[in-house]
Amino acid sequence: MGYREPKNQAEMLQRTSGAKPGTKILIKGGTIRTESQAEMFKKQGNAFFASLEFGKALDQYTKAIHCVIREKEQELLVICLSNRAQSFLKLK
């Protein structure tokens, strides 16, 4: 027996949990992760790098590195250092 599209909303809801469209779901034990300032600087640096503005990207990665050192996020630090090194290479 293969998949067939539901004929109406009632049939669709019968196949699911019964929640109506637009219902907010609460996940117990979940945590809300906010983006750190270092991650925001890294994303801005990535955008500048993609648009070939390597000097601006370099500045953003440097700001991100200073934030990461305060926040102690080792994995993000490695990524930012690598991205900054790539920006230096592109600037020659």
PDB file of N, CA and C in Angstrom:
ATOM      1  N   MET A   1       0.845  -1.182   0.000  1.00  0.00           N
ATOM      2  CA  MET A   1       0.000   0.000   0.000  1.00  0.00           C
ATOM      3  C   MET A   1       0.886   1.240   0.000  1.00  0.00           C
ATOM      4  N   GLY A   2       0.780   2.089  -0.979  1.00  0.00           N
ATOM      5  CA  GLY A   2       1.616   3.266  -1.129  1.00  0.00           C
ATOM      6  C   GLY A   2       1.017   4.486  -0.453  1.00  0.00           C
ATOM      7  N   TYR A   3       1.762   5.557  -0.500  1.00  0.00           N
ATOM      8  CA  TYR A   3       1.319   6.814   0.077  1.00  0.00           C
ATOM      9  C   TYR A   3       0.295   7.464  -0.833  1.00  0.00           C
ATOM     10  N   ARG A   4      -0.757   8.013  -0.221  1.00  0.00           N
ATOM     11  CA  ARG A   4      -1.733   8.774  -0.995  1.00  0.00           C
ATOM     12  C   ARG A   4      -2.021  10.067  -0.251  1.00  0.00           C
ATOM     13  N   GLU A   5      -2.220  11.116  -1.004  1.00  0.00           N
ATOM     14  CA  GLU A   5      -2.489  12.432  -0.425  1.00  0.00           C
ATOM     15  C   GLU A   5      -3.818  12.411   0.334  1.00  0.00           C
ATOM     16  N   PRO A   6      -3.893  13.090   1.481  1.00  0.00           N
ATOM     17  CA  PRO A   6      -5.165  13.181   2.194  1.00  0.00           C
ATOM     18  C   PRO A   6      -6.173  13.994   1.391  1.00  0.00           C
ATOM     19  N   LYS A   7      -7.453  13.615   1.497  1.00  0.00           N
ATOM     20  CA  LYS A   7      -8.504  14.283   0.726  1.00  0.00           C
ATOM     21  C   LYS A   7      -8.910  15.616   1.335  1.00  0.00           C
ATOM     22  N   ASN A   8      -8.844  15.714   2.664  1.00  0.00           N
ATOM     23  CA  ASN A   8      -9.266  16.946   3.318  1.00  0.00           C
ATOM     24  C   ASN A   8      -8.446  17.150   4.599  1.00  0.00           C
ATOM     25  N   GLN A   9      -8.688  18.274   5.261  1.00  0.00           N
ATOM     26  CA  GLN A   9      -7.914  18.612   6.457  1.00  0.00           C
ATOM     27  C   GLN A   9      -8.159  17.612   7.583  1.00  0.00           C
ATOM     28  N   ALA A  10      -9.376  17.145   7.741  1.00  0.00           N
ATOM     29  CA  ALA A  10      -9.681  16.184   8.806  1.00  0.00           C
ATOM     30  C   ALA A  10      -8.875  14.895   8.617  1.00  0.00           C
ATOM     31  N   GLU A  11      -8.784  14.440   7.368  1.00  0.00           N
ATOM     32  CA  GLU A  11      -8.017  13.224   7.086  1.00  0.00           C
ATOM     33  C   GLU A  11      -6.525  13.464   7.338  1.00  0.00           C
ATOM     34  N   MET A  12      -6.048  14.657   6.995  1.00  0.00           N
ATOM     35  CA  MET A  12      -4.646  14.987   7.222  1.00  0.00           C
ATOM     36  C   MET A  12      -4.337  14.995   8.722  1.00  0.00           C
ATOM     37  N   LEU A  13      -5.222  15.605   9.514  1.00  0.00           N
ATOM     38  CA  LEU A  13      -4.996  15.679  10.955  1.00  0.00           C
ATOM     39  C   LEU A  13      -5.079  14.299  11.605  1.00  0.00           C
ATOM     40  N   GLN A  14      -5.865  13.422  11.031  1.00  0.00           N
ATOM     41  CA  GLN A  14      -5.984  12.070  11.571  1.00  0.00           C
ATOM     42  C   GLN A  14      -4.644  11.341  11.453  1.00  0.00           C
ATOM     43  N   ARG A  15      -3.873  11.638  10.413  1.00  0.00           N
ATOM     44  CA  ARG A  15      -2.581  10.991  10.198  1.00  0.00           C
ATOM     45  C   ARG A  15      -1.489  11.555  11.100  1.00  0.00           C
ATOM     46  N   THR A  16      -1.722  12.714  11.687  1.00  0.00           N
ATOM     47  CA  THR A  16      -0.705  13.365  12.521  1.00  0.00           C
ATOM     48  C   THR A  16      -1.128  13.320  13.976  1.00  0.00           C
ATOM     49  N   SER A  17      -0.518  14.170  14.747  1.00  0.00           N
ATOM     50  CA  SER A  17      -0.829  14.221  16.170  1.00  0.00           C
ATOM     51  C   SER A  17      -2.188  14.839  16.443  1.00  0.00           C
ATOM     52  N   GLY A  18      -2.792  15.408  15.413  1.00  0.00           N
ATOM     53  CA  GLY A  18      -4.072  16.073  15.599  1.00  0.00           C
ATOM     54  C   GLY A  18      -3.920  17.565  15.808  1.00  0.00           C
ATOM     55  N   ALA A  19      -2.704  18.036  15.806  1.00  0.00           N
ATOM     56  CA  ALA A  19      -2.467  19.462  15.992  1.00  0.00           C
ATOM     57  C   ALA A  19      -2.908  20.224  14.762  1.00  0.00           C
ATOM     58  N   LYS A  20      -3.537  21.360  14.988  1.00  0.00           N
ATOM     59  CA  LYS A  20      -3.990  22.197  13.883  1.00  0.00           C
ATOM     60  C   LYS A  20      -2.805  22.983  13.320  1.00  0.00           C
ATOM     61  N   PRO A  21      -2.870  23.392  12.071  1.00  0.00           N
ATOM     62  CA  PRO A  21      -1.781  24.186  11.493  1.00  0.00           C
ATOM     63  C   PRO A  21      -1.515  25.439  12.314  1.00  0.00           C
ATOM     64  N   GLY A  22      -0.238  25.769  12.496  1.00  0.00           N
ATOM     65  CA  GLY A  22       0.144  26.960  13.252  1.00  0.00           C
ATOM     66  C   GLY A  22       0.278  26.713  14.740  1.00  0.00           C
ATOM     67  N   THR A  23       0.052  25.477  15.192  1.00  0.00           N
ATOM     68  CA  THR A  23       0.171  25.159  16.604  1.00  0.00           C
ATOM     69  C   THR A  23       1.637  25.180  17.011  1.00  0.00           C
ATOM     70  N   LYS A  24       1.940  25.857  18.118  1.00  0.00           N
ATOM     71  CA  LYS A  24       3.319  25.891  18.614  1.00  0.00           C
ATOM     72  C   LYS A  24       3.569  24.638  19.434  1.00  0.00           C
ATOM     73  N   ILE A  25       4.730  24.055  19.260  1.00  0.00           N
ATOM     74  CA  ILE A  25       5.075  22.823  19.945  1.00  0.00           C
ATOM     75  C   ILE A  25       6.127  23.125  21.010  1.00  0.00           C
ATOM     76  N   LEU A  26       5.923  22.625  22.197  1.00  0.00           N
ATOM     77  CA  LEU A  26       6.870  22.788  23.288  1.00  0.00           C
ATOM     78  C   LEU A  26       7.640  21.491  23.448  1.00  0.00           C
ATOM     79  N   ILE A  27       8.940  21.583  23.398  1.00  0.00           N
ATOM     80  CA  ILE A  27       9.791  20.412  23.583  1.00  0.00           C
ATOM     81  C   ILE A  27      10.361  20.490  24.985  1.00  0.00           C
ATOM     82  N   LYS A  28       9.995  19.540  25.814  1.00  0.00           N
ATOM     83  CA  LYS A  28      10.473  19.545  27.191  1.00  0.00           C
ATOM     84  C   LYS A  28      11.954  19.226  27.232  1.00  0.00           C
ATOM     85  N   GLY A  29      12.660  19.964  28.059  1.00  0.00           N
ATOM     86  CA  GLY A  29      14.086  19.729  28.217  1.00  0.00           C
ATOM     87  C   GLY A  29      14.924  20.413  27.155  1.00  0.00           C
ATOM     88  N   GLY A  30      14.287  21.050  26.188  1.00  0.00           N
ATOM     89  CA  GLY A  30      15.031  21.747  25.142  1.00  0.00           C
ATOM     90  C   GLY A  30      15.599  23.052  25.674  1.00  0.00           C
ATOM     91  N   THR A  31      16.680  23.479  25.099  1.00  0.00           N
ATOM     92  CA  THR A  31      17.259  24.749  25.493  1.00  0.00           C
ATOM     93  C   THR A  31      17.261  25.682  24.295  1.00  0.00           C
ATOM     94  N   ILE A  32      17.105  26.940  24.566  1.00  0.00           N
ATOM     95  CA  ILE A  32      17.155  27.945  23.514  1.00  0.00           C
ATOM     96  C   ILE A  32      18.596  28.418  23.423  1.00  0.00           C
ATOM     97  N   ARG A  33      19.158  28.273  22.250  1.00  0.00           N
ATOM     98  CA  ARG A  33      20.552  28.657  22.048  1.00  0.00           C
ATOM     99  C   ARG A  33      20.569  29.990  21.334  1.00  0.00           C
ATOM    100  N   THR A  34      21.148  30.970  21.982  1.00  0.00           N
ATOM    101  CA  THR A  34      21.266  32.270  21.344  1.00  0.00           C
ATOM    102  C   THR A  34      22.629  32.362  20.673  1.00  0.00           C
ATOM    103  N   GLU A  35      22.664  33.113  19.620  1.00  0.00           N
ATOM    104  CA  GLU A  35      23.903  33.273  18.872  1.00  0.00           C
ATOM    105  C   GLU A  35      24.818  34.225  19.626  1.00  0.00           C
ATOM    106  N   SER A  36      26.062  33.813  19.824  1.00  0.00           N
ATOM    107  CA  SER A  36      27.009  34.654  20.542  1.00  0.00           C
ATOM    108  C   SER A  36      27.464  35.801  19.653  1.00  0.00           C
ATOM    109  N   GLN A  37      28.048  36.802  20.278  1.00  0.00           N
ATOM    110  CA  GLN A  37      28.549  37.943  19.526  1.00  0.00           C
ATOM    111  C   GLN A  37      29.666  37.493  18.587  1.00  0.00           C
ATOM    112  N   ALA A  38      30.475  36.547  19.025  1.00  0.00           N
ATOM    113  CA  ALA A  38      31.552  36.029  18.182  1.00  0.00           C
ATOM    114  C   ALA A  38      30.987  35.375  16.921  1.00  0.00           C
ATOM    115  N   GLU A  39      29.898  34.619  17.070  1.00  0.00           N
ATOM    116  CA  GLU A  39      29.275  33.986  15.907  1.00  0.00           C
ATOM    117  C   GLU A  39      28.728  35.023  14.935  1.00  0.00           C
ATOM    118  N   MET A  40      28.189  36.113  15.471  1.00  0.00           N
ATOM    119  CA  MET A  40      27.673  37.173  14.601  1.00  0.00           C
ATOM    120  C   MET A  40      28.814  37.821  13.814  1.00  0.00           C
ATOM    121  N   PHE A  41      29.939  38.104  14.482  1.00  0.00           N
ATOM    122  CA  PHE A  41      31.090  38.677  13.783  1.00  0.00           C
ATOM    123  C   PHE A  41      31.603  37.709  12.715  1.00  0.00           C
ATOM    124  N   LYS A  42      31.621  36.418  13.037  1.00  0.00           N
ATOM    125  CA  LYS A  42      32.090  35.417  12.070  1.00  0.00           C
ATOM    126  C   LYS A  42      31.186  35.398  10.841  1.00  0.00           C
ATOM    127  N   LYS A  43      29.877  35.446  11.057  1.00  0.00           N
ATOM    128  CA  LYS A  43      28.933  35.450   9.934  1.00  0.00           C
ATOM    129  C   LYS A  43      29.112  36.692   9.066  1.00  0.00           C
ATOM    130  N   GLN A  44      29.340  37.842   9.710  1.00  0.00           N
ATOM    131  CA  GLN A  44      29.574  39.065   8.948  1.00  0.00           C
ATOM    132  C   GLN A  44      30.861  38.933   8.143  1.00  0.00           C
ATOM    133  N   GLY A  45      31.888  38.352   8.760  1.00  0.00           N
ATOM    134  CA  GLY A  45      33.143  38.115   8.059  1.00  0.00           C
ATOM    135  C   GLY A  45      32.944  37.193   6.872  1.00  0.00           C
ATOM    136  N   ASN A  46      32.141  36.158   7.056  1.00  0.00           N
ATOM    137  CA  ASN A  46      31.851  35.230   5.956  1.00  0.00           C
ATOM    138  C   ASN A  46      31.159  35.950   4.800  1.00  0.00           C
ATOM    139  N   ALA A  47      30.246  36.855   5.126  1.00  0.00           N
ATOM    140  CA  ALA A  47      29.533  37.604   4.087  1.00  0.00           C
ATOM    141  C   ALA A  47      30.502  38.507   3.327  1.00  0.00           C
ATOM    142  N   PHE A  48      31.388  39.192   4.045  1.00  0.00           N
ATOM    143  CA  PHE A  48      32.377  40.039   3.379  1.00  0.00           C
ATOM    144  C   PHE A  48      33.325  39.199   2.524  1.00  0.00           C
ATOM    145  N   PHE A  49      33.724  38.046   3.050  1.00  0.00           N
ATOM    146  CA  PHE A  49      34.634  37.172   2.301  1.00  0.00           C
ATOM    147  C   PHE A  49      33.975  36.713   1.002  1.00  0.00           C
ATOM    148  N   ALA A  50      32.706  36.344   1.097  1.00  0.00           N
ATOM    149  CA  ALA A  50      31.979  35.870  -0.088  1.00  0.00           C
ATOM    150  C   ALA A  50      31.828  36.975  -1.133  1.00  0.00           C
ATOM    151  N   SER A  51      31.763  38.231  -0.668  1.00  0.00           N
ATOM    152  CA  SER A  51      31.635  39.347  -1.608  1.00  0.00           C
ATOM    153  C   SER A  51      32.999  39.932  -1.984  1.00  0.00           C
ATOM    154  N   LEU A  52      34.060  39.174  -1.678  1.00  0.00           N
ATOM    155  CA  LEU A  52      35.437  39.511  -2.056  1.00  0.00           C
ATOM    156  C   LEU A  52      35.963  40.780  -1.376  1.00  0.00           C
ATOM    157  N   GLU A  53      35.384  41.143  -0.246  1.00  0.00           N
ATOM    158  CA  GLU A  53      35.856  42.283   0.547  1.00  0.00           C
ATOM    159  C   GLU A  53      36.719  41.724   1.680  1.00  0.00           C
ATOM    160  N   PHE A  54      37.926  41.320   1.343  1.00  0.00           N
ATOM    161  CA  PHE A  54      38.774  40.569   2.266  1.00  0.00           C
ATOM    162  C   PHE A  54      39.256  41.407   3.444  1.00  0.00           C
ATOM    163  N   GLY A  55      39.494  42.701   3.245  1.00  0.00           N
ATOM    164  CA  GLY A  55      39.911  43.572   4.346  1.00  0.00           C
ATOM    165  C   GLY A  55      38.834  43.678   5.416  1.00  0.00           C
ATOM    166  N   LYS A  56      37.591  43.863   4.979  1.00  0.00           N
ATOM    167  CA  LYS A  56      36.472  43.942   5.930  1.00  0.00           C
ATOM    168  C   LYS A  56      36.253  42.596   6.614  1.00  0.00           C
ATOM    169  N   ALA A  57      36.424  41.515   5.845  1.00  0.00           N
ATOM    170  CA  ALA A  57      36.284  40.177   6.430  1.00  0.00           C
ATOM    171  C   ALA A  57      37.333  39.969   7.508  1.00  0.00           C
ATOM    172  N   LEU A  58      38.549  40.403   7.237  1.00  0.00           N
ATOM    173  CA  LEU A  58      39.655  40.290   8.188  1.00  0.00           C
ATOM    174  C   LEU A  58      39.315  41.001   9.494  1.00  0.00           C
ATOM    175  N   ASP A  59      38.758  42.206   9.400  1.00  0.00           N
ATOM    176  CA  ASP A  59      38.364  42.963  10.594  1.00  0.00           C
ATOM    177  C   ASP A  59      37.305  42.219  11.405  1.00  0.00           C
ATOM    178  N   GLN A  60      36.316  41.659  10.720  1.00  0.00           N
ATOM    179  CA  GLN A  60      35.241  40.946  11.415  1.00  0.00           C
ATOM    180  C   GLN A  60      35.759  39.678  12.100  1.00  0.00           C
ATOM    181  N   TYR A  61      36.626  38.938  11.419  1.00  0.00           N
ATOM    182  CA  TYR A  61      37.197  37.736  12.023  1.00  0.00           C
ATOM    183  C   TYR A  61      38.048  38.087  13.240  1.00  0.00           C
ATOM    184  N   THR A  62      38.771  39.196  13.173  1.00  0.00           N
ATOM    185  CA  THR A  62      39.584  39.628  14.311  1.00  0.00           C
ATOM    186  C   THR A  62      38.687  39.965  15.498  1.00  0.00           C
ATOM    187  N   LYS A  63      37.586  40.671  15.248  1.00  0.00           N
ATOM    188  CA  LYS A  63      36.634  40.973  16.332  1.00  0.00           C
ATOM    189  C   LYS A  63      36.073  39.681  16.913  1.00  0.00           C
ATOM    190  N   ALA A  64      35.761  38.728  16.047  1.00  0.00           N
ATOM    191  CA  ALA A  64      35.213  37.443  16.509  1.00  0.00           C
ATOM    192  C   ALA A  64      36.228  36.723  17.392  1.00  0.00           C
ATOM    193  N   ILE A  65      37.498  36.754  17.001  1.00  0.00           N
ATOM    194  CA  ILE A  65      38.547  36.078  17.785  1.00  0.00           C
ATOM    195  C   ILE A  65      38.649  36.684  19.168  1.00  0.00           C
ATOM    196  N   HIS A  66      38.587  38.017  19.261  1.00  0.00           N
ATOM    197  CA  HIS A  66      38.648  38.662  20.582  1.00  0.00           C
ATOM    198  C   HIS A  66      37.452  38.265  21.448  1.00  0.00           C
ATOM    199  N   CYS A  67      36.281  38.141  20.843  1.00  0.00           N
ATOM    200  CA  CYS A  67      35.093  37.703  21.595  1.00  0.00           C
ATOM    201  C   CYS A  67      35.214  36.248  22.014  1.00  0.00           C
ATOM    202  N   VAL A  68      35.722  35.410  21.131  1.00  0.00           N
ATOM    203  CA  VAL A  68      35.830  33.978  21.418  1.00  0.00           C
ATOM    204  C   VAL A  68      36.783  33.740  22.585  1.00  0.00           C
ATOM    205  N   ILE A  69      37.851  34.492  22.632  1.00  0.00           N
ATOM    206  CA  ILE A  69      38.814  34.325  23.718  1.00  0.00           C
ATOM    207  C   ILE A  69      38.133  34.590  25.059  1.00  0.00           C
ATOM    208  N   ARG A  70      37.238  35.599  25.091  1.00  0.00           N
ATOM    209  CA  ARG A  70      36.494  35.887  26.334  1.00  0.00           C
ATOM    210  C   ARG A  70      35.463  34.796  26.626  1.00  0.00           C
ATOM    211  N   GLU A  71      34.816  34.262  25.579  1.00  0.00           N
ATOM    212  CA  GLU A  71      33.734  33.286  25.752  1.00  0.00           C
ATOM    213  C   GLU A  71      34.237  31.849  25.867  1.00  0.00           C
ATOM    214  N   LYS A  72      35.487  31.626  25.517  1.00  0.00           N
ATOM    215  CA  LYS A  72      36.130  30.312  25.630  1.00  0.00           C
ATOM    216  C   LYS A  72      35.425  29.241  24.783  1.00  0.00           C
ATOM    217  N   GLU A  73      35.199  29.544  23.512  1.00  0.00           N
ATOM    218  CA  GLU A  73      34.615  28.590  22.574  1.00  0.00           C
ATOM    219  C   GLU A  73      35.738  28.123  21.647  1.00  0.00           C
ATOM    220  N   GLN A  74      36.383  27.042  21.985  1.00  0.00           N
ATOM    221  CA  GLN A  74      37.569  26.583  21.272  1.00  0.00           C
ATOM    222  C   GLN A  74      37.311  26.282  19.794  1.00  0.00           C
ATOM    223  N   GLU A  75      36.241  25.583  19.491  1.00  0.00           N
ATOM    224  CA  GLU A  75      35.961  25.206  18.101  1.00  0.00           C
ATOM    225  C   GLU A  75      35.751  26.440  17.235  1.00  0.00           C
ATOM    226  N   LEU A  76      35.019  27.414  17.745  1.00  0.00           N
ATOM    227  CA  LEU A  76      34.781  28.653  17.007  1.00  0.00           C
ATOM    228  C   LEU A  76      36.079  29.433  16.841  1.00  0.00           C
ATOM    229  N   LEU A  77      36.945  29.389  17.846  1.00  0.00           N
ATOM    230  CA  LEU A  77      38.237  30.062  17.759  1.00  0.00           C
ATOM    231  C   LEU A  77      39.061  29.509  16.597  1.00  0.00           C
ATOM    232  N   VAL A  78      39.111  28.194  16.469  1.00  0.00           N
ATOM    233  CA  VAL A  78      39.864  27.559  15.392  1.00  0.00           C
ATOM    234  C   VAL A  78      39.312  27.984  14.024  1.00  0.00           C
ATOM    235  N   ILE A  79      37.997  28.011  13.893  1.00  0.00           N
ATOM    236  CA  ILE A  79      37.369  28.402  12.630  1.00  0.00           C
ATOM    237  C   ILE A  79      37.691  29.849  12.284  1.00  0.00           C
ATOM    238  N   CYS A  80      37.589  30.747  13.274  1.00  0.00           N
ATOM    239  CA  CYS A  80      37.852  32.161  13.023  1.00  0.00           C
ATOM    240  C   CYS A  80      39.319  32.407  12.669  1.00  0.00           C
ATOM    241  N   LEU A  81      40.217  31.713  13.351  1.00  0.00           N
ATOM    242  CA  LEU A  81      41.640  31.863  13.022  1.00  0.00           C
ATOM    243  C   LEU A  81      41.920  31.385  11.600  1.00  0.00           C
ATOM    244  N   SER A  82      41.306  30.287  11.225  1.00  0.00           N
ATOM    245  CA  SER A  82      41.478  29.753   9.873  1.00  0.00           C
ATOM    246  C   SER A  82      40.909  30.708   8.829  1.00  0.00           C
ATOM    247  N   ASN A  83      39.720  31.246   9.093  1.00  0.00           N
ATOM    248  CA  ASN A  83      39.094  32.177   8.157  1.00  0.00           C
ATOM    249  C   ASN A  83      39.919  33.462   8.027  1.00  0.00           C
ATOM    250  N   ARG A  84      40.464  33.925   9.153  1.00  0.00           N
ATOM    251  CA  ARG A  84      41.292  35.136   9.111  1.00  0.00           C
ATOM    252  C   ARG A  84      42.571  34.875   8.315  1.00  0.00           C
ATOM    253  N   ALA A  85      43.164  33.708   8.499  1.00  0.00           N
ATOM    254  CA  ALA A  85      44.367  33.352   7.742  1.00  0.00           C
ATOM    255  C   ALA A  85      44.065  33.326   6.246  1.00  0.00           C
ATOM    256  N   GLN A  86      42.907  32.796   5.881  1.00  0.00           N
ATOM    257  CA  GLN A  86      42.523  32.760   4.469  1.00  0.00           C
ATOM    258  C   GLN A  86      42.338  34.178   3.924  1.00  0.00           C
ATOM    259  N   SER A  87      41.801  35.076   4.745  1.00  0.00           N
ATOM    260  CA  SER A  87      41.638  36.466   4.323  1.00  0.00           C
ATOM    261  C   SER A  87      43.000  37.111   4.094  1.00  0.00           C
ATOM    262  N   PHE A  88      43.964  36.846   4.996  1.00  0.00           N
ATOM    263  CA  PHE A  88      45.324  37.366   4.813  1.00  0.00           C
ATOM    264  C   PHE A  88      45.919  36.858   3.494  1.00  0.00           C
ATOM    265  N   LEU A  89      45.710  35.588   3.202  1.00  0.00           N
ATOM    266  CA  LEU A  89      46.237  35.016   1.956  1.00  0.00           C
ATOM    267  C   LEU A  89      45.621  35.699   0.736  1.00  0.00           C
ATOM    268  N   LYS A  90      44.329  35.968   0.795  1.00  0.00           N
ATOM    269  CA  LYS A  90      43.666  36.608  -0.342  1.00  0.00           C
ATOM    270  C   LYS A  90      44.148  38.050  -0.543  1.00  0.00           C
ATOM    271  N   LEU A  91      44.525  38.697   0.569  1.00  0.00           N
ATOM    272  CA  LEU A  91      45.040  40.070   0.478  1.00  0.00           C
ATOM    273  C   LEU A  91      46.508  40.106   0.052  1.00  0.00           C
ATOM    274  N   LYS A  92      47.177  38.979   0.114  1.00  0.00           N
ATOM    275  CA  LYS A  92      48.599  38.815  -0.206  1.00  0.00           C
ATOM    276  C   LYS A  92      49.444  39.666   0.694  1.00  0.00           C
TER     277      LYS A  92
END
